[in-house]
Amino acid sequence: MDDHPVVRQGLRAYLELEADLQVVGEASGGEEALESIASLSPDVVLLDLKMPGLDGQGVLERLGKDAPRVLVLTSATDVERVPAAIAAGAAGFVYKDIDPDALTAAIRTVHAGQALLSPAALRGLMSGTSASAAPELTPRESQVLGLIAKGQTNRQIARALGVSEKTVKTHVTNLLRRIDAADRTQAALWAVRHGIG
């Protein structure tokens, strides 16, 4: 969903080259995006934050909890909008200068239920936030949280730590509860704010 036809056409042309990705629709504005999402039921939505009329943030807020996974694809000047987009339900946040192969990887990551923030978005968050009092984490919880903040899946974390995937799931569940995060995206943001990862 982007208000620039050239951007939409370029994305469609590139994504349709990928055998496992299918572009089911596109929209040039927020209201049209909501209608398309409702009628087409996509698995993942690529959403620009700057659109005429209802902007991307408004779309996120109106989609609610039963929405498809949303990957925000926007300009690098929007770094200050990362926290609000994540809080409204975005599963990922990348910038339009992303490498095309990295974009398809980001779409697959978000589709798989993982959170994803580009390194630039994380740096922007780190520069604009300060660490506040935080619960004390065990060394293992800190390791797991650092790897979550880097966008690693449970399987990747299990390999990195030499433990089972089931053990990692237990650590993640306990960690989310301890830091009062609803999901991995919020956990990654929490990690950045507190200088972990």
Protein backbone atom coordinates (compact mmCIF):
# COMPACT_ATOMS: atom_id res chain seq x y z
CA MET A 1 0.00 0.00 0.00
CA ASP A 2 1.76 3.12 -1.26
CA ASP A 3 0.55 6.34 -2.85
CA HIS A 4 3.25 6.31 -5.56
CA PRO A 5 2.25 4.21 -8.62
CA VAL A 6 5.88 3.68 -9.66
CA VAL A 7 6.75 2.24 -6.25
CA ARG A 8 3.73 -0.10 -6.34
CA GLN A 9 4.49 -1.25 -9.88
CA GLY A 10 8.15 -1.84 -9.06
CA LEU A 11 7.30 -3.83 -5.94
CA ARG A 12 4.72 -5.90 -7.80
CA ALA A 13 7.13 -6.66 -10.66
CA TYR A 14 9.89 -7.73 -8.28
CA LEU A 15 7.74 -9.72 -5.85
CA GLU A 16 6.00 -11.62 -8.63
CA LEU A 17 9.40 -13.08 -9.59
CA GLU A 18 9.44 -14.95 -6.26
CA ALA A 19 7.81 -18.38 -6.55
CA ASP A 20 6.51 -18.39 -2.98
CA LEU A 21 5.13 -14.83 -2.97
CA GLN A 22 1.93 -13.68 -4.63
CA VAL A 23 0.75 -10.07 -4.88
CA VAL A 24 -3.03 -10.16 -4.43
CA GLY A 25 -3.75 -6.42 -4.49
CA GLU A 26 -2.54 -2.89 -4.04
CA ALA A 27 -3.89 0.45 -2.88
CA SER A 28 -2.91 4.11 -3.18
CA GLY A 29 -4.47 5.39 0.04
CA GLY A 30 -5.52 4.36 3.51
CA GLU A 31 -9.26 3.88 2.93
CA GLU A 32 -8.59 1.88 -0.25
CA ALA A 33 -6.03 -0.18 1.68
CA LEU A 34 -8.59 -1.09 4.35
CA GLU A 35 -11.12 -2.10 1.69
CA SER A 36 -8.53 -4.22 -0.15
CA ILE A 37 -7.39 -5.92 3.04
CA ALA A 38 -11.00 -6.72 3.99
CA SER A 39 -11.87 -8.14 0.59
CA LEU A 40 -8.60 -9.92 -0.26
CA SER A 41 -7.50 -11.22 3.18
CA PRO A 42 -3.74 -11.10 2.49
CA ASP A 43 -1.28 -12.90 4.77
CA VAL A 44 1.14 -9.94 4.81
CA VAL A 45 0.56 -6.27 4.03
CA LEU A 46 3.36 -3.93 2.92
CA LEU A 47 2.30 -0.54 4.24
CA ASP A 48 3.71 2.94 3.74
CA LEU A 49 3.09 5.36 6.61
CA LYS A 50 2.79 8.42 4.37
CA MET A 51 -0.37 8.20 2.29
CA PRO A 52 -3.07 10.72 1.39
CA GLY A 53 -6.20 10.80 3.51
CA LEU A 54 -5.97 8.06 6.10
CA ASP A 55 -2.23 7.47 6.61
CA GLY A 56 -0.50 4.17 7.40
CA GLN A 57 -0.69 4.74 11.16
CA GLY A 58 -4.45 5.22 10.83
CA VAL A 59 -4.69 2.01 8.82
CA LEU A 60 -2.79 0.11 11.51
CA GLU A 61 -5.03 1.49 14.24
CA ARG A 62 -8.22 0.61 12.37
CA LEU A 63 -7.12 -2.90 11.45
CA GLY A 64 -7.18 -4.05 15.06
CA LYS A 65 -6.06 -7.36 16.52
CA ASP A 66 -7.37 -9.71 13.80
CA ALA A 67 -5.35 -8.01 11.10
CA PRO A 68 -2.92 -9.69 8.72
CA ARG A 69 0.78 -9.32 9.52
CA VAL A 70 1.84 -5.78 8.55
CA LEU A 71 5.35 -4.91 7.39
CA VAL A 72 5.82 -1.15 7.32
CA LEU A 73 7.89 -0.12 4.29
CA THR A 74 8.50 3.61 4.54
CA SER A 75 11.06 6.38 4.18
CA ALA A 76 14.05 6.70 6.49
CA THR A 77 12.71 10.03 7.77
CA ASP A 78 9.93 8.17 9.60
CA VAL A 79 12.11 6.71 12.38
CA GLU A 80 10.24 8.64 15.07
CA ARG A 81 7.07 6.81 14.02
CA VAL A 82 8.47 3.33 14.76
CA PRO A 83 7.17 3.00 18.36
CA ALA A 84 3.63 4.11 17.46
CA ALA A 85 3.52 1.78 14.45
CA ILE A 86 4.70 -1.18 16.53
CA ALA A 87 2.25 -0.34 19.32
CA ALA A 88 -0.56 -0.23 16.74
CA GLY A 89 0.27 -3.73 15.54
CA ALA A 90 3.00 -3.56 12.89
CA ALA A 91 5.00 -6.79 12.86
CA GLY A 92 7.98 -5.22 11.14
CA PHE A 93 9.51 -1.92 10.10
CA VAL A 94 11.92 -1.46 7.17
CA TYR A 95 12.91 1.44 4.95
CA LYS A 96 12.42 1.87 1.21
CA ASP A 97 16.17 1.82 0.58
CA ILE A 98 16.20 -1.86 1.60
CA ASP A 99 17.93 -4.34 -0.69
CA PRO A 100 15.30 -6.26 -2.73
CA ASP A 101 16.50 -9.65 -1.44
CA ALA A 102 16.36 -8.33 2.13
CA LEU A 103 12.79 -7.16 1.50
CA THR A 104 11.65 -10.62 0.40
CA ALA A 105 13.42 -12.09 3.43
CA ALA A 106 11.61 -9.54 5.64
CA ILE A 107 8.25 -10.50 4.14
CA ARG A 108 8.95 -14.18 4.81
CA THR A 109 10.10 -13.42 8.37
CA VAL A 110 6.94 -11.46 9.15
CA HIS A 111 4.77 -14.12 7.49
CA ALA A 112 6.40 -16.74 9.72
CA GLY A 113 5.16 -14.83 12.77
CA GLN A 114 8.47 -13.22 13.70
CA ALA A 115 9.09 -9.56 14.46
CA LEU A 116 11.49 -7.58 12.33
CA LEU A 117 13.04 -4.14 12.71
CA SER A 118 15.69 -2.91 10.32
CA PRO A 119 19.05 -2.01 11.89
CA ALA A 120 18.39 1.63 10.98
CA ALA A 121 15.05 1.59 12.81
CA LEU A 122 16.72 0.04 15.84
CA ARG A 123 19.48 2.67 15.79
CA GLY A 124 16.87 5.40 15.57
CA LEU A 125 15.06 3.99 18.55
CA MET A 126 18.29 3.69 20.53
CA SER A 127 19.26 7.29 19.86
CA GLY A 128 15.85 8.58 20.88
CA THR A 129 15.24 6.54 24.01
CA SER A 130 16.81 6.28 27.42
CA ALA A 131 17.08 3.25 29.63
CA SER A 132 14.73 3.21 32.59
CA ALA A 133 14.50 0.93 35.57
CA ALA A 134 14.11 -2.62 34.33
CA PRO A 135 13.54 -5.99 35.90
CA GLU A 136 16.75 -7.91 36.49
CA LEU A 137 17.18 -10.60 33.86
CA THR A 138 19.16 -13.80 34.20
CA PRO A 139 22.22 -14.11 31.94
CA ARG A 140 20.33 -16.61 29.76
CA GLU A 141 17.29 -14.32 29.48
CA SER A 142 19.58 -11.48 28.44
CA GLN A 143 21.14 -13.71 25.77
CA VAL A 144 17.75 -14.78 24.43
CA LEU A 145 16.45 -11.20 24.45
CA GLY A 146 19.55 -9.96 22.62
CA LEU A 147 19.02 -12.55 19.90
CA ILE A 148 15.31 -11.67 19.65
CA ALA A 149 16.33 -8.04 19.19
CA LYS A 150 18.53 -9.13 16.27
CA GLY A 151 15.48 -10.72 14.64
CA GLN A 152 16.49 -14.35 15.17
CA THR A 153 13.89 -17.12 15.19
CA ASN A 154 13.54 -19.65 18.00
CA ARG A 155 15.36 -22.20 15.86
CA GLN A 156 18.27 -19.83 15.24
CA ILE A 157 18.44 -18.95 18.94
CA ALA A 158 18.42 -22.64 19.87
CA ARG A 159 21.36 -23.28 17.52
CA ALA A 160 23.28 -20.26 18.81
CA LEU A 161 22.83 -21.28 22.45
CA GLY A 162 23.16 -25.04 21.97
CA VAL A 163 19.75 -25.81 23.49
CA SER A 164 16.49 -27.26 22.20
CA GLU A 165 13.89 -25.14 20.46
CA LYS A 166 11.44 -26.12 23.21
CA THR A 167 13.82 -24.66 25.82
CA VAL A 168 14.02 -21.43 23.83
CA LYS A 169 10.21 -21.22 23.67
CA THR A 170 10.09 -21.56 27.46
CA HIS A 171 12.70 -18.81 27.86
CA VAL A 172 10.79 -16.53 25.46
CA THR A 173 7.48 -17.10 27.28
CA ASN A 174 9.07 -16.35 30.67
CA LEU A 175 10.91 -13.36 29.27
CA LEU A 176 7.78 -11.80 27.73
CA ARG A 177 6.00 -12.18 31.05
CA ARG A 178 8.91 -10.70 33.03
CA ILE A 179 9.27 -7.57 30.88
CA ASP A 180 5.50 -7.27 30.32
CA ALA A 181 5.74 -7.53 26.54
CA ALA A 182 2.85 -8.85 24.45
CA ASP A 183 5.03 -10.26 21.68
CA ARG A 184 8.53 -10.50 20.22
CA THR A 185 8.28 -7.09 18.57
CA GLN A 186 7.62 -5.40 21.90
CA ALA A 187 10.41 -7.47 23.45
CA ALA A 188 12.84 -6.29 20.75
CA LEU A 189 11.85 -2.67 21.38
CA TRP A 190 12.27 -3.21 25.13
CA ALA A 191 15.73 -4.67 24.51
CA VAL A 192 16.77 -1.67 22.45
CA ARG A 193 15.50 0.80 25.05
CA HIS A 194 17.48 -1.01 27.74
CA GLY A 195 20.69 -1.47 25.77
CA ILE A 196 20.40 -5.23 25.23
CA GLY A 197 21.43 -6.69 21.88
